Amino acid sequence: MLRCLAVRIPIALYALALIVRAVLFGVHPDAAYPDAYYYVDVARALHSGAGFNIDFIWSFVDVGGRIPANPVLPIPSNAHWMPLAAIIQLPTMWLLGATPLASAIPFAIVGSLAAPMTWLLAREIGCSPRVALAAGIAVAAPAAATIYMYQPDNLALYQPIGMAALWLTARGLKGHPWSYALAGLMVGLATLSRNDGVLLGAAVGLAFFWDRWHGRLAWRASRSAGGRTPAIPWRYAFACFGLFLLLTAPWYLRQLAVFGSLSPSSTSGRILLIANYEQMDSVTSDTSLAAFLGQGIGPLLQSRILGFVAALQIYFVIAIPIVLTPFVLVGGWARRRSIDFGPFFTYAAILFAASGLLFAVHVPYGTFLHSAVALVPFTFILAIEGAVLASRWVARHRPAWTEEGAARLFLIAAVASVVLNAGAFAVLALPSWDAIRENRLAAGSALDRAGAPKTDLLMSADPAGYEYFTGHGGVVTPTDSLDVIHQVAVDYHIRWLVLERAFIVDPMAPVIEMTARPTWIGPPVFTLPFKGPLTGNRLVDGAPALAIFPVCTEPNDTRCAAAAMGGGLPVAAAPAAPLAGTAP
């Protein structure tokens, strides 16, 4: 009977997790934000035979943070993002074509593994059957992060891979050296999913040196008893590192060959040395080390502290429901000396420290959450164990309660809070994702009606998204002056400017408001009316949700002839002239 349950429970948990992701896909089957768009676009390029090359610039970090000396498209892909989330889509694309379903299936299959893995981990480290089951159910629908777990993004990959790396490391510390060696394989996969997967490697490496140090201390303290032999011999440490290199070396050699750097996007300083996120899309701002340090100690400390605080907020609001925080602390205290949780605590400390010291500006924009998902299964086990401990305390202080009844109530409440949090966040996020999709599909149809061939390039706030929905390549609108934006348009032979009210740069505000525009931008050929408060930005009420304008960078381009001349200065814009069939 017990053996039958040991088989059925993980299968049921996997099925539950798969159903959750299938339902979300059924509600919103497309990629929903820039990371996911990018991975699908790269996968489609690979599927079409174009290799690791893309015809858009999602951010100028992909081309060195400046307008290149030879500004051309397409460009080599993955100067910043790692390749695994794109590569994993290829088998299903070969079977089903370049469809949203083909992109989603691999992430649902791999990501759903986290739920049964959590149950298996909990049982191995001595948790009770109901704690293991409750933790597995919670990971099947991991609170607010659930909405991202079916997306063609690296979150669905990083959770089971990162969890496996930490689990195997703990097993190595308990006397299973081959488990430790296999942790290197997991770190390699994690790094091919995300650049900061190497932070997992730091936790794995520190576990080895802790094992050597602890073994030496034990040997000195008890020589007469023979001492303690380290659990991980050196040869397994070399095997661990060797497996990591086996997976990652081909990719890093490619980066060196194509970009001349192991981390191309970091060389410009726009990843680690930006003072604010707007500098990511700037081609003129100074992101040198001198400029970074030149902020002064006040702003520098403030940004680091705010990054750390943002990481805490994301973790205890999105990664896990905030109501579980006391239980996590109780469970963490109870397991504070557990070897099973040692690598988890180490990685958590490294990740939070890196978020405050290195990636502080990026934390509110998703960097932390993408990596923190590896912590979620361990955290839910701690939360469930903490709930059981809290229930015992309550039962002792309330004579009317039994420990069994209190434990059952606390467990149900804990799991329910996770599931309700998942549903609530989905209800909030999906409408905005739907609105963005509908707007961009409408923009694609408008460009088709305007006779724009797929070779026409767009300037927009999200080139990866427009490539995904419309098939048009292009470049991101720089967060620079109007003159710089014009220069980028000229250099890349941009044909159309797409402005979205929700994602507007300051120089383009008068253009989308239809109050002024430069002579190189023509009258809008398509507009979508603004229907509600999407962003709360400063645009006037009459500004549309989306508008498409012709961009004229060639002398013989007459599409902007209706624009009044003003020596290149912003001038009054003509009224919008939507195409036939414009959405109401």
Protein backbone atom coordinates (compact mmCIF):
# COMPACT_ATOMS: atom_id res chain seq x y z
CA MET A 1 0.00 0.00 0.00
CA LEU A 2 2.76 2.42 0.97
CA ARG A 3 4.70 1.57 -2.18
CA CYS A 4 1.60 2.20 -4.28
CA LEU A 5 1.11 5.61 -2.66
CA ALA A 6 4.79 6.41 -3.22
CA VAL A 7 4.14 6.04 -6.95
CA ARG A 8 0.67 7.53 -7.19
CA ILE A 9 1.25 10.72 -5.20
CA PRO A 10 4.08 12.16 -7.32
CA ILE A 11 2.19 11.22 -10.50
CA ALA A 12 -0.93 12.96 -9.17
CA LEU A 13 1.08 16.05 -8.21
CA TYR A 14 2.67 16.18 -11.65
CA ALA A 15 -0.77 15.88 -13.27
CA LEU A 16 -2.12 18.66 -11.03
CA ALA A 17 0.73 20.98 -11.95
CA LEU A 18 0.29 20.16 -15.63
CA ILE A 19 -3.46 20.88 -15.45
CA VAL A 20 -2.82 24.27 -13.80
CA ARG A 21 -0.46 25.25 -16.61
CA ALA A 22 -2.80 23.91 -19.30
CA VAL A 23 -5.68 26.00 -17.93
CA LEU A 24 -3.54 29.13 -17.95
CA PHE A 25 -2.46 28.41 -21.52
CA GLY A 26 -6.08 27.96 -22.52
CA VAL A 27 -6.92 31.38 -21.12
CA HIS A 28 -3.92 33.18 -22.64
CA PRO A 29 -2.04 31.01 -25.15
CA ASP A 30 0.58 33.55 -26.24
CA ALA A 31 3.84 34.77 -24.80
CA ALA A 32 3.00 37.74 -22.61
CA TYR A 33 6.04 39.91 -21.85
CA PRO A 34 9.47 40.81 -23.33
CA ASP A 35 11.49 37.88 -21.94
CA ALA A 36 9.02 35.34 -23.28
CA TYR A 37 8.70 37.12 -26.64
CA TYR A 38 12.48 37.07 -27.00
CA TYR A 39 12.88 33.36 -26.31
CA VAL A 40 10.12 32.46 -28.77
CA ASP A 41 11.53 34.79 -31.43
CA VAL A 42 14.98 33.19 -31.09
CA ALA A 43 13.43 29.71 -31.21
CA ARG A 44 11.52 30.62 -34.37
CA ALA A 45 14.72 31.95 -35.94
CA LEU A 46 16.47 28.68 -35.13
CA HIS A 47 13.51 26.70 -36.45
CA SER A 48 13.54 28.64 -39.72
CA GLY A 49 17.26 27.99 -40.25
CA ALA A 50 18.45 31.51 -39.43
CA GLY A 51 20.55 30.29 -36.49
CA PHE A 52 21.17 32.47 -33.47
CA ASN A 53 20.32 35.66 -35.36
CA ILE A 54 17.40 38.05 -34.89
CA ASP A 55 16.07 41.02 -36.86
CA PHE A 56 15.32 43.23 -33.87
CA ILE A 57 17.12 45.02 -31.05
CA TRP A 58 15.14 44.57 -27.83
CA SER A 59 17.70 46.71 -25.95
CA PHE A 60 20.91 48.34 -27.08
CA VAL A 61 22.81 46.18 -24.57
CA ASP A 62 22.69 43.61 -27.40
CA VAL A 63 24.91 45.83 -29.55
CA GLY A 64 27.26 47.28 -26.95
CA GLY A 65 25.04 49.97 -25.45
CA ARG A 66 25.74 52.42 -28.28
CA ILE A 67 24.74 52.89 -31.91
CA PRO A 68 27.21 50.54 -33.63
CA ALA A 69 29.66 51.81 -36.22
CA ASN A 70 27.84 49.59 -38.71
CA PRO A 71 24.18 49.60 -37.62
CA VAL A 72 22.52 46.65 -39.36
CA LEU A 73 19.86 44.04 -38.81
CA PRO A 74 19.76 41.12 -38.28
CA ILE A 75 22.21 40.82 -35.38
CA PRO A 76 23.56 37.84 -33.42
CA SER A 77 21.12 36.90 -30.67
CA ASN A 78 21.65 36.19 -27.00
CA ALA A 79 24.22 38.82 -26.15
CA HIS A 80 22.39 39.06 -22.84
CA TRP A 81 19.87 36.25 -22.41
CA MET A 82 21.01 32.61 -22.33
CA PRO A 83 19.92 30.03 -24.95
CA LEU A 84 18.24 27.11 -23.15
CA ALA A 85 14.73 28.58 -23.07
CA ALA A 86 14.88 28.97 -26.86
CA ILE A 87 16.57 25.65 -27.64
CA ILE A 88 14.05 23.63 -25.60
CA GLN A 89 11.24 24.77 -27.90
CA LEU A 90 12.78 23.25 -31.04
CA PRO A 91 11.59 19.63 -30.71
CA THR A 92 7.93 20.62 -30.43
CA MET A 93 8.34 23.24 -33.15
CA TRP A 94 9.64 20.52 -35.47
CA LEU A 95 6.53 18.49 -34.65
CA LEU A 96 3.85 21.21 -34.52
CA GLY A 97 5.34 24.17 -36.33
CA ALA A 98 6.16 27.58 -34.85
CA THR A 99 2.91 27.85 -32.90
CA PRO A 100 2.18 29.11 -29.37
CA LEU A 101 1.34 25.55 -28.33
CA ALA A 102 4.70 24.28 -29.55
CA SER A 103 6.43 26.98 -27.50
CA ALA A 104 4.42 26.31 -24.34
CA ILE A 105 4.56 22.50 -24.16
CA PRO A 106 8.23 22.10 -23.12
CA PHE A 107 7.87 24.59 -20.28
CA ALA A 108 4.73 22.93 -18.96
CA ILE A 109 6.36 19.49 -19.10
CA VAL A 110 9.60 20.53 -17.40
CA GLY A 111 8.12 23.07 -14.98
CA SER A 112 5.52 20.64 -13.67
CA LEU A 113 8.31 18.41 -12.37
CA ALA A 114 8.82 20.79 -9.44
CA ALA A 115 5.66 19.59 -7.67
CA PRO A 116 6.51 15.85 -7.43
CA MET A 117 10.15 16.75 -6.78
CA THR A 118 9.04 18.77 -3.77
CA TRP A 119 7.10 15.79 -2.40
CA LEU A 120 10.08 13.49 -2.94
CA LEU A 121 12.46 15.96 -1.29
CA ALA A 122 10.17 16.43 1.70
CA ARG A 123 9.84 12.69 2.22
CA GLU A 124 13.59 12.12 1.89
CA ILE A 125 14.44 14.71 4.53
CA GLY A 126 11.98 13.26 7.02
CA CYS A 127 8.86 15.39 6.65
CA SER A 128 5.55 13.78 7.50
CA PRO A 129 3.39 12.53 4.61
CA ARG A 130 0.88 15.36 4.99
CA VAL A 131 3.59 18.03 5.08
CA ALA A 132 5.12 16.56 1.92
CA LEU A 133 1.75 16.40 0.19
CA ALA A 134 0.78 19.94 1.18
CA ALA A 135 4.14 21.31 -0.03
CA GLY A 136 3.77 19.46 -3.33
CA ILE A 137 0.28 20.89 -3.89
CA ALA A 138 1.56 24.38 -3.09
CA VAL A 139 4.37 24.08 -5.64
CA ALA A 140 1.91 22.83 -8.27
CA ALA A 141 0.34 26.31 -8.12
CA PRO A 142 3.10 28.43 -6.53
CA ALA A 143 1.17 31.53 -5.46
CA ALA A 144 1.46 34.64 -7.63
CA ALA A 145 4.40 33.15 -9.54
CA THR A 146 2.01 30.56 -11.05
CA ILE A 147 1.03 32.94 -13.83
CA TYR A 148 4.62 32.85 -15.13
CA MET A 149 5.14 29.11 -14.89
CA TYR A 150 3.52 28.24 -18.21
CA GLN A 151 5.16 31.06 -20.15
CA PRO A 152 7.99 30.30 -22.62
CA ASP A 153 10.47 31.86 -20.22
CA ASN A 154 13.22 30.50 -18.02
CA LEU A 155 11.19 30.54 -14.77
CA ALA A 156 9.59 27.18 -15.54
CA LEU A 157 13.03 25.73 -16.26
CA TYR A 158 14.92 27.34 -13.42
CA GLN A 159 12.61 26.17 -10.64
CA PRO A 160 13.12 22.38 -11.01
CA ILE A 161 16.72 22.74 -12.20
CA GLY A 162 17.75 25.06 -9.37
CA MET A 163 15.87 22.94 -6.84
CA ALA A 164 17.67 19.83 -8.12
CA ALA A 165 21.07 21.53 -7.81
CA LEU A 166 20.45 22.45 -4.17
CA TRP A 167 18.94 19.05 -3.34
CA LEU A 168 21.83 17.12 -4.92
CA THR A 169 24.33 19.32 -3.09
CA ALA A 170 22.68 18.53 0.25
CA ARG A 171 22.72 14.82 -0.58
CA GLY A 172 26.42 15.10 -1.34
CA LEU A 173 27.04 16.62 2.09
CA LYS A 174 25.25 13.64 3.64
CA GLY A 175 27.57 11.10 2.06
CA HIS A 176 26.39 10.71 -1.56
CA PRO A 177 29.33 12.16 -3.53
CA TRP A 178 27.91 11.30 -6.95
CA SER A 179 24.89 13.43 -6.12
CA TYR A 180 27.27 16.31 -5.54
CA ALA A 181 28.93 15.66 -8.90
CA LEU A 182 25.53 15.72 -10.62
CA ALA A 183 24.82 19.08 -8.97
CA GLY A 184 27.40 20.49 -11.40
CA LEU A 185 25.25 19.25 -14.27
CA MET A 186 22.26 21.08 -12.81
CA VAL A 187 24.27 24.27 -12.32
CA GLY A 188 25.29 24.06 -15.96
CA LEU A 189 21.66 23.77 -17.07
CA ALA A 190 20.70 26.61 -14.72
CA THR A 191 23.44 28.82 -16.18
CA LEU A 192 22.29 28.06 -19.72
CA SER A 193 18.85 29.21 -18.53
CA ARG A 194 20.03 32.40 -16.80
CA ASN A 195 23.30 34.27 -16.54
CA ASP A 196 23.05 34.39 -12.77
CA GLY A 197 22.79 30.60 -12.63
CA VAL A 198 26.45 30.86 -11.67
CA LEU A 199 25.21 32.04 -8.25
CA LEU A 200 23.90 28.52 -7.78
CA GLY A 201 27.40 27.37 -8.61
CA ALA A 202 28.74 29.59 -5.85
CA ALA A 203 26.41 27.90 -3.35
CA VAL A 204 27.48 24.46 -4.59
CA GLY A 205 31.16 25.38 -4.34
CA LEU A 206 30.80 26.83 -0.86
CA ALA A 207 29.13 23.58 0.26
CA PHE A 208 32.25 21.66 -0.78
CA PHE A 209 34.60 23.98 1.09
CA TRP A 210 32.32 23.92 4.13
CA ASP A 211 32.52 20.14 4.04
CA ARG A 212 36.35 20.24 3.97
CA TRP A 213 36.53 22.85 6.72
CA HIS A 214 34.00 21.08 8.92
CA GLY A 215 35.80 17.78 8.41
CA ARG A 216 39.13 19.33 9.44
CA LEU A 217 37.60 20.81 12.59
CA ALA A 218 36.03 17.46 13.50
CA TRP A 219 39.34 15.66 12.88
CA ARG A 220 41.22 18.04 15.18
CA ALA A 221 38.57 17.69 17.88
CA SER A 222 38.53 13.89 17.87
CA ARG A 223 41.82 12.48 16.60
CA SER A 224 41.60 9.57 18.96
CA ALA A 225 38.26 8.56 17.47
CA GLY A 226 39.59 8.69 13.95
CA GLY A 227 38.08 12.07 13.05
CA ARG A 228 35.52 12.80 10.39
CA THR A 229 36.24 12.08 6.75
CA PRO A 230 34.85 14.75 4.41
CA ALA A 231 31.68 13.58 2.68
CA ILE A 232 32.81 14.86 -0.74
CA PRO A 233 36.24 13.68 -1.96
CA TRP A 234 38.18 16.00 -4.24
CA ARG A 235 37.60 13.82 -7.31
CA TYR A 236 33.86 14.36 -7.05
CA ALA A 237 34.37 18.10 -6.76
CA PHE A 238 36.39 17.98 -9.99
CA ALA A 239 33.65 15.85 -11.56
CA CYS A 240 31.07 18.45 -10.48
CA PHE A 241 33.03 21.27 -12.09
CA GLY A 242 33.77 19.15 -15.14
CA LEU A 243 30.09 18.46 -15.77
CA PHE A 244 29.38 22.18 -15.46
CA LEU A 245 32.06 22.95 -18.05
CA LEU A 246 30.87 20.15 -20.32
CA LEU A 247 27.49 21.85 -20.65
CA THR A 248 28.47 25.52 -20.64
CA ALA A 249 31.83 25.60 -22.46
CA PRO A 250 30.36 25.28 -26.01
CA TRP A 251 28.09 28.26 -25.38
CA TYR A 252 30.80 30.40 -23.85
CA LEU A 253 33.11 29.58 -26.76
CA ARG A 254 30.35 30.77 -29.07
CA GLN A 255 30.06 34.03 -27.10
CA LEU A 256 33.81 34.58 -27.37
CA ALA A 257 33.79 33.85 -31.09
CA VAL A 258 30.78 36.07 -31.88
CA PHE A 259 31.08 38.89 -29.33
CA GLY A 260 34.61 38.59 -27.99
CA SER A 261 33.32 38.32 -24.42
CA LEU A 262 31.90 35.67 -22.10
CA SER A 263 29.22 38.14 -20.97
CA PRO A 264 28.73 40.57 -23.87
CA SER A 265 25.92 42.63 -22.36
CA SER A 266 27.97 43.36 -19.24
CA THR A 267 30.90 44.92 -21.09
CA SER A 268 29.02 48.17 -21.78
CA GLY A 269 28.17 48.64 -18.09
CA ARG A 270 24.44 48.73 -18.79
CA ILE A 271 23.77 45.66 -16.70
CA LEU A 272 25.76 46.34 -13.54
CA LEU A 273 26.60 50.06 -13.70
CA ILE A 274 23.33 51.81 -14.52
CA ALA A 275 21.93 54.36 -12.08
CA ASN A 276 18.32 53.85 -13.23
CA TYR A 277 16.50 51.39 -15.46
CA GLU A 278 15.92 53.96 -18.24
CA GLN A 279 19.63 53.78 -19.01
CA MET A 280 19.13 50.22 -20.27
CA ASP A 281 17.62 51.61 -23.48
CA SER A 282 19.81 54.70 -23.76
CA VAL A 283 22.62 54.98 -26.27
CA THR A 284 24.15 58.18 -24.87
CA SER A 285 24.17 57.86 -21.06
CA ASP A 286 27.49 57.33 -19.30
CA THR A 287 27.56 53.86 -17.74
CA SER A 288 31.24 53.74 -16.89
CA LEU A 289 32.50 52.73 -13.46
CA ALA A 290 33.55 56.33 -12.83
CA ALA A 291 30.02 57.59 -13.54
CA PHE A 292 28.53 54.85 -11.39
CA LEU A 293 30.71 55.74 -8.42
CA GLY A 294 30.26 59.43 -9.20
CA GLN A 295 26.62 59.27 -8.09
CA GLY A 296 27.81 59.88 -4.58
CA ILE A 297 27.54 57.65 -1.57
CA GLY A 298 23.95 58.70 -0.81
CA PRO A 299 22.27 57.72 -4.10
CA LEU A 300 24.49 54.65 -4.38
CA LEU A 301 23.52 53.32 -0.95
CA GLN A 302 19.90 54.23 -1.51
CA SER A 303 19.69 52.22 -4.75
CA ARG A 304 21.35 49.20 -3.08
CA ILE A 305 19.00 49.31 -0.11
CA LEU A 306 15.96 49.75 -2.32
CA GLY A 307 17.06 46.80 -4.46
CA PHE A 308 17.36 44.59 -1.39
CA VAL A 309 13.98 45.75 -0.05
CA ALA A 310 12.39 45.15 -3.47
CA ALA A 311 13.79 41.60 -3.45
CA LEU A 312 12.21 40.97 -0.05
CA GLN A 313 8.89 42.39 -1.24
CA ILE A 314 8.89 40.26 -4.38
CA TYR A 315 9.80 37.13 -2.48
CA PHE A 316 7.22 37.53 0.27
CA VAL A 317 4.43 38.81 -1.98
CA ILE A 318 4.87 37.09 -5.35
CA ALA A 319 7.06 34.06 -4.70
CA ILE A 320 5.11 33.10 -1.58
CA PRO A 321 1.95 34.60 -0.04
CA ILE A 322 2.83 37.20 2.60
CA VAL A 323 0.54 35.51 5.14
CA LEU A 324 2.92 32.54 5.19
CA THR A 325 5.91 34.65 6.23
CA PRO A 326 5.60 33.86 9.98
CA PHE A 327 5.40 30.14 9.21
CA VAL A 328 8.47 30.37 6.95
CA LEU A 329 10.41 32.01 9.77
CA VAL A 330 9.29 29.37 12.27
CA GLY A 331 10.16 26.52 9.90
CA GLY A 332 13.47 28.14 8.97
CA TRP A 333 14.45 28.49 12.63
CA ALA A 334 13.58 24.86 13.27
CA ARG A 335 15.73 23.77 10.30
CA ARG A 336 18.54 26.28 10.81
CA ARG A 337 21.18 23.58 11.44
CA SER A 338 19.83 21.07 8.93
CA ILE A 339 22.28 19.91 6.26
CA ASP A 340 19.26 19.36 4.01
CA PHE A 341 18.58 23.10 3.99
CA GLY A 342 22.19 24.31 4.19
CA PRO A 343 22.65 24.82 0.42
CA PHE A 344 19.21 26.47 0.28
CA PHE A 345 20.11 28.98 3.00
CA THR A 346 23.46 29.63 1.33
CA TYR A 347 21.94 30.26 -2.10
CA ALA A 348 19.23 32.47 -0.58
CA ALA A 349 21.89 34.59 1.14
CA ILE A 350 23.95 34.86 -2.05
CA LEU A 351 20.91 35.74 -4.18
CA PHE A 352 19.63 38.42 -1.81
CA ALA A 353 23.12 39.88 -1.44
CA ALA A 354 23.62 39.98 -5.21
CA SER A 355 20.20 41.59 -5.64
CA GLY A 356 21.18 44.37 -3.27
CA LEU A 357 24.79 44.86 -4.33
CA LEU A 358 24.91 44.00 -8.04
CA PHE A 359 21.45 43.88 -9.63
CA ALA A 360 19.63 46.41 -7.46
CA VAL A 361 18.24 48.49 -10.33
CA HIS A 362 16.98 45.37 -12.15
CA VAL A 363 15.27 43.70 -9.18
CA PRO A 364 11.84 45.38 -9.57
CA TYR A 365 11.80 44.41 -13.27
CA GLY A 366 11.95 40.66 -12.78
CA THR A 367 15.62 39.74 -12.38
CA PHE A 368 15.21 38.54 -8.80
CA LEU A 369 11.97 36.62 -9.33
CA HIS A 370 13.42 34.63 -12.22
CA SER A 371 16.11 33.22 -9.92
CA ALA A 372 14.15 33.14 -6.67
CA VAL A 373 11.74 30.51 -8.03
CA ALA A 374 14.42 27.90 -7.24
CA LEU A 375 13.95 28.77 -3.56
CA VAL A 376 10.18 28.36 -3.60
CA PRO A 377 9.92 24.55 -3.11
CA PHE A 378 12.23 24.65 -0.08
CA THR A 379 10.40 27.68 1.26
CA PHE A 380 7.02 25.99 1.00
CA ILE A 381 8.36 22.96 2.89
CA LEU A 382 9.55 25.32 5.63
CA ALA A 383 6.19 27.14 5.59
CA ILE A 384 4.21 23.92 5.94
CA GLU A 385 6.49 22.64 8.69
CA GLY A 386 6.21 26.01 10.40
CA ALA A 387 2.41 25.82 10.19
CA VAL A 388 2.47 22.42 11.90
CA LEU A 389 4.75 23.74 14.67
CA ALA A 390 2.51 26.79 15.10
CA SER A 391 -0.58 24.57 15.28
CA ARG A 392 0.99 22.59 18.11
CA TRP A 393 1.71 25.78 20.03
CA VAL A 394 -1.89 26.95 19.53
CA ALA A 395 -3.27 23.59 20.63
CA ARG A 396 -1.24 23.73 23.83
CA HIS A 397 -2.65 27.15 24.66
CA ARG A 398 -6.24 26.44 23.65
CA PRO A 399 -7.59 23.43 25.57
CA ALA A 400 -10.57 23.11 23.24
CA TRP A 401 -8.25 22.31 20.31
CA THR A 402 -6.45 19.04 19.65
CA GLU A 403 -3.04 18.99 18.00
CA GLU A 404 -4.42 16.92 15.15
CA GLY A 405 -7.33 19.27 14.49
CA ALA A 406 -5.15 22.37 14.74
CA ALA A 407 -2.55 20.90 12.39
CA ARG A 408 -5.20 20.00 9.84
CA LEU A 409 -6.70 23.50 10.00
CA PHE A 410 -3.33 25.26 9.66
CA LEU A 411 -2.27 23.06 6.75
CA ILE A 412 -5.50 23.65 4.86
CA ALA A 413 -5.23 27.39 5.49
CA ALA A 414 -1.61 27.49 4.32
CA VAL A 415 -2.25 25.60 1.08
CA ALA A 416 -5.47 27.54 0.45
CA SER A 417 -3.61 30.84 0.80
CA VAL A 418 -1.14 29.71 -1.87
CA VAL A 419 -3.85 28.61 -4.30
CA LEU A 420 -5.99 31.71 -3.72
CA ASN A 421 -2.96 33.91 -4.22
CA ALA A 422 -2.30 32.18 -7.54
CA GLY A 423 -5.87 32.71 -8.69
CA ALA A 424 -6.04 36.34 -7.57
CA PHE A 425 -2.83 37.28 -9.33
CA ALA A 426 -3.96 35.54 -12.51
CA VAL A 427 -7.24 37.47 -12.45
CA LEU A 428 -5.27 40.72 -12.15
CA ALA A 429 -2.55 39.96 -14.71
CA LEU A 430 -4.38 38.20 -17.53
CA PRO A 431 -6.60 41.14 -18.59
CA SER A 432 -3.58 43.40 -19.04
CA TRP A 433 -1.78 40.69 -21.01
CA ASP A 434 -4.88 40.27 -23.17
CA ALA A 435 -5.07 44.01 -23.80
CA ILE A 436 -1.43 44.17 -24.90
CA ARG A 437 -1.93 41.19 -27.22
CA GLU A 438 -5.08 42.62 -28.80
CA ASN A 439 -3.44 46.01 -29.34
CA ARG A 440 -0.43 44.50 -31.03
CA LEU A 441 -2.45 42.16 -33.19
CA ALA A 442 -4.50 45.18 -34.27
CA ALA A 443 -1.26 47.02 -35.05
CA GLY A 444 -0.11 44.10 -37.18
CA SER A 445 -3.36 44.10 -39.13
CA ALA A 446 -3.11 47.86 -39.63
CA LEU A 447 0.41 47.56 -41.02
CA ASP A 448 -0.79 44.86 -43.41
CA ARG A 449 -3.63 47.09 -44.61
CA ALA A 450 -1.15 49.93 -45.05
CA GLY A 451 0.78 47.70 -47.44
CA ALA A 452 3.85 47.44 -45.22
CA PRO A 453 5.93 44.42 -46.25
CA LYS A 454 7.40 42.28 -43.48
CA THR A 455 10.81 43.75 -44.31
CA ASP A 456 9.66 47.17 -43.04
CA LEU A 457 11.30 47.82 -39.67
CA LEU A 458 9.50 49.30 -36.66
CA MET A 459 10.65 51.48 -33.82
CA SER A 460 8.69 50.56 -30.69
CA ALA A 461 8.92 50.08 -26.95
CA ASP A 462 9.01 46.29 -27.33
CA PRO A 463 10.60 45.09 -30.59
CA ALA A 464 10.60 41.44 -29.48
CA GLY A 465 6.85 41.67 -28.87
CA TYR A 466 6.16 43.23 -32.26
CA GLU A 467 8.31 40.61 -33.96
CA TYR A 468 6.25 37.97 -32.14
CA PHE A 469 2.83 39.38 -33.05
CA THR A 470 3.43 41.13 -36.38
CA GLY A 471 6.52 39.55 -37.94
CA HIS A 472 8.17 42.96 -38.29
CA GLY A 473 11.68 43.45 -36.96
CA GLY A 474 12.94 46.73 -35.61
CA VAL A 475 14.63 48.54 -32.76
CA VAL A 476 13.66 49.79 -29.33
CA THR A 477 12.85 53.47 -28.96
CA PRO A 478 15.89 54.89 -27.12
CA THR A 479 15.34 56.71 -23.83
CA ASP A 480 17.27 59.66 -25.22
CA SER A 481 16.60 63.02 -26.86
CA LEU A 482 14.50 63.45 -29.98
CA ASP A 483 17.66 64.01 -32.04
CA VAL A 484 19.12 60.70 -30.87
CA ILE A 485 15.87 58.89 -31.61
CA HIS A 486 15.95 60.38 -35.10
CA GLN A 487 19.54 59.27 -35.59
CA VAL A 488 18.66 55.69 -34.63
CA ALA A 489 15.73 55.78 -37.07
CA VAL A 490 18.03 56.97 -39.86
CA ASP A 491 20.80 54.48 -39.10
CA TYR A 492 18.45 51.49 -39.05
CA HIS A 493 16.19 52.66 -41.91
CA ILE A 494 13.09 52.58 -39.71
CA ARG A 495 9.82 52.80 -41.67
CA TRP A 496 7.22 52.95 -38.91
CA LEU A 497 6.99 54.30 -35.38
CA VAL A 498 4.64 52.47 -33.00
CA LEU A 499 3.80 54.34 -29.81
CA GLU A 500 1.92 52.82 -26.89
CA ARG A 501 0.50 54.97 -24.15
CA ALA A 502 1.51 52.44 -21.50
CA PHE A 503 5.18 52.43 -22.61
CA ILE A 504 6.11 55.92 -23.74
CA VAL A 505 9.45 57.74 -23.62
CA ASP A 506 9.32 61.45 -22.81
CA PRO A 507 10.24 62.89 -26.25
CA MET A 508 7.44 60.88 -27.85
CA ALA A 509 4.72 62.13 -25.46
CA PRO A 510 3.71 65.10 -27.68
CA VAL A 511 3.61 62.81 -30.70
CA ILE A 512 1.14 60.31 -29.22
CA GLU A 513 -0.85 63.21 -27.73
CA MET A 514 -1.20 64.55 -31.31
CA THR A 515 -0.02 67.98 -30.20
CA ALA A 516 3.37 68.12 -31.90
CA ARG A 517 5.72 66.02 -33.97
CA PRO A 518 8.98 66.43 -35.87
CA THR A 519 8.97 66.66 -39.65
CA TRP A 520 10.39 63.17 -40.11
CA ILE A 521 7.28 61.63 -38.54
CA GLY A 522 4.12 61.65 -40.62
CA PRO A 523 0.45 61.77 -39.59
CA PRO A 524 -0.77 58.63 -37.81
CA VAL A 525 -2.17 55.94 -40.07
CA PHE A 526 -3.76 53.99 -37.24
CA THR A 527 -4.89 54.69 -33.69
CA LEU A 528 -6.56 52.72 -30.93
CA PRO A 529 -8.56 54.75 -28.43
CA PHE A 530 -7.54 54.74 -24.80
CA LYS A 531 -10.18 52.91 -22.74
CA GLY A 532 -8.92 53.06 -19.20
CA PRO A 533 -6.14 53.91 -16.74
CA LEU A 534 -3.42 51.51 -17.92
CA THR A 535 -0.37 53.17 -16.40
CA GLY A 536 -1.29 56.40 -14.66
CA ASN A 537 1.32 58.30 -16.68
CA ARG A 538 1.11 62.01 -17.41
CA LEU A 539 -0.38 61.82 -20.93
CA VAL A 540 -3.50 63.80 -21.71
CA ASP A 541 -6.82 62.00 -21.64
CA GLY A 542 -7.23 62.17 -25.41
CA ALA A 543 -4.01 60.33 -26.19
CA PRO A 544 -4.70 56.95 -27.81
CA ALA A 545 -3.67 53.61 -26.36
CA LEU A 546 -1.61 52.95 -29.50
CA ALA A 547 -0.75 54.84 -32.66
CA ILE A 548 1.30 54.05 -35.76
CA PHE A 549 3.16 56.77 -37.65
CA PRO A 550 5.20 56.61 -40.86
CA VAL A 551 8.87 57.48 -40.41
CA CYS A 552 10.60 59.21 -43.33
CA THR A 553 14.38 58.99 -43.34
CA GLU A 554 14.89 58.96 -47.11
CA PRO A 555 14.55 62.08 -49.35
CA ASN A 556 12.15 60.33 -51.74
CA ASP A 557 9.79 59.11 -48.99
CA THR A 558 6.57 61.12 -49.41
CA ARG A 559 4.55 59.48 -46.63
CA CYS A 560 5.38 62.33 -44.24
CA ALA A 561 4.48 65.09 -46.71
CA ALA A 562 1.43 66.06 -44.65
CA ALA A 563 3.68 67.05 -41.75
CA ALA A 564 4.16 70.78 -41.48
CA MET A 565 7.74 71.92 -41.91
CA GLY A 566 9.49 73.50 -38.96
CA GLY A 567 13.20 73.18 -39.50
CA GLY A 568 13.15 69.79 -37.81
CA LEU A 569 11.57 71.18 -34.65
CA PRO A 570 8.38 69.69 -33.18
CA VAL A 571 5.32 71.22 -34.85
CA ALA A 572 1.57 70.82 -34.53
CA ALA A 573 0.38 67.44 -35.67
CA ALA A 574 -2.44 66.76 -38.07
CA PRO A 575 -5.50 64.97 -36.68
CA ALA A 576 -5.27 61.21 -36.59
CA ALA A 577 -6.39 59.51 -39.78
CA PRO A 578 -7.12 55.91 -38.85
CA LEU A 579 -7.31 53.27 -41.53
CA ALA A 580 -10.58 51.67 -42.40
CA GLY A 581 -11.40 49.02 -39.87
CA THR A 582 -9.68 50.76 -36.96
CA ALA A 583 -10.73 49.18 -33.69
CA PRO A 584 -13.35 51.25 -31.86
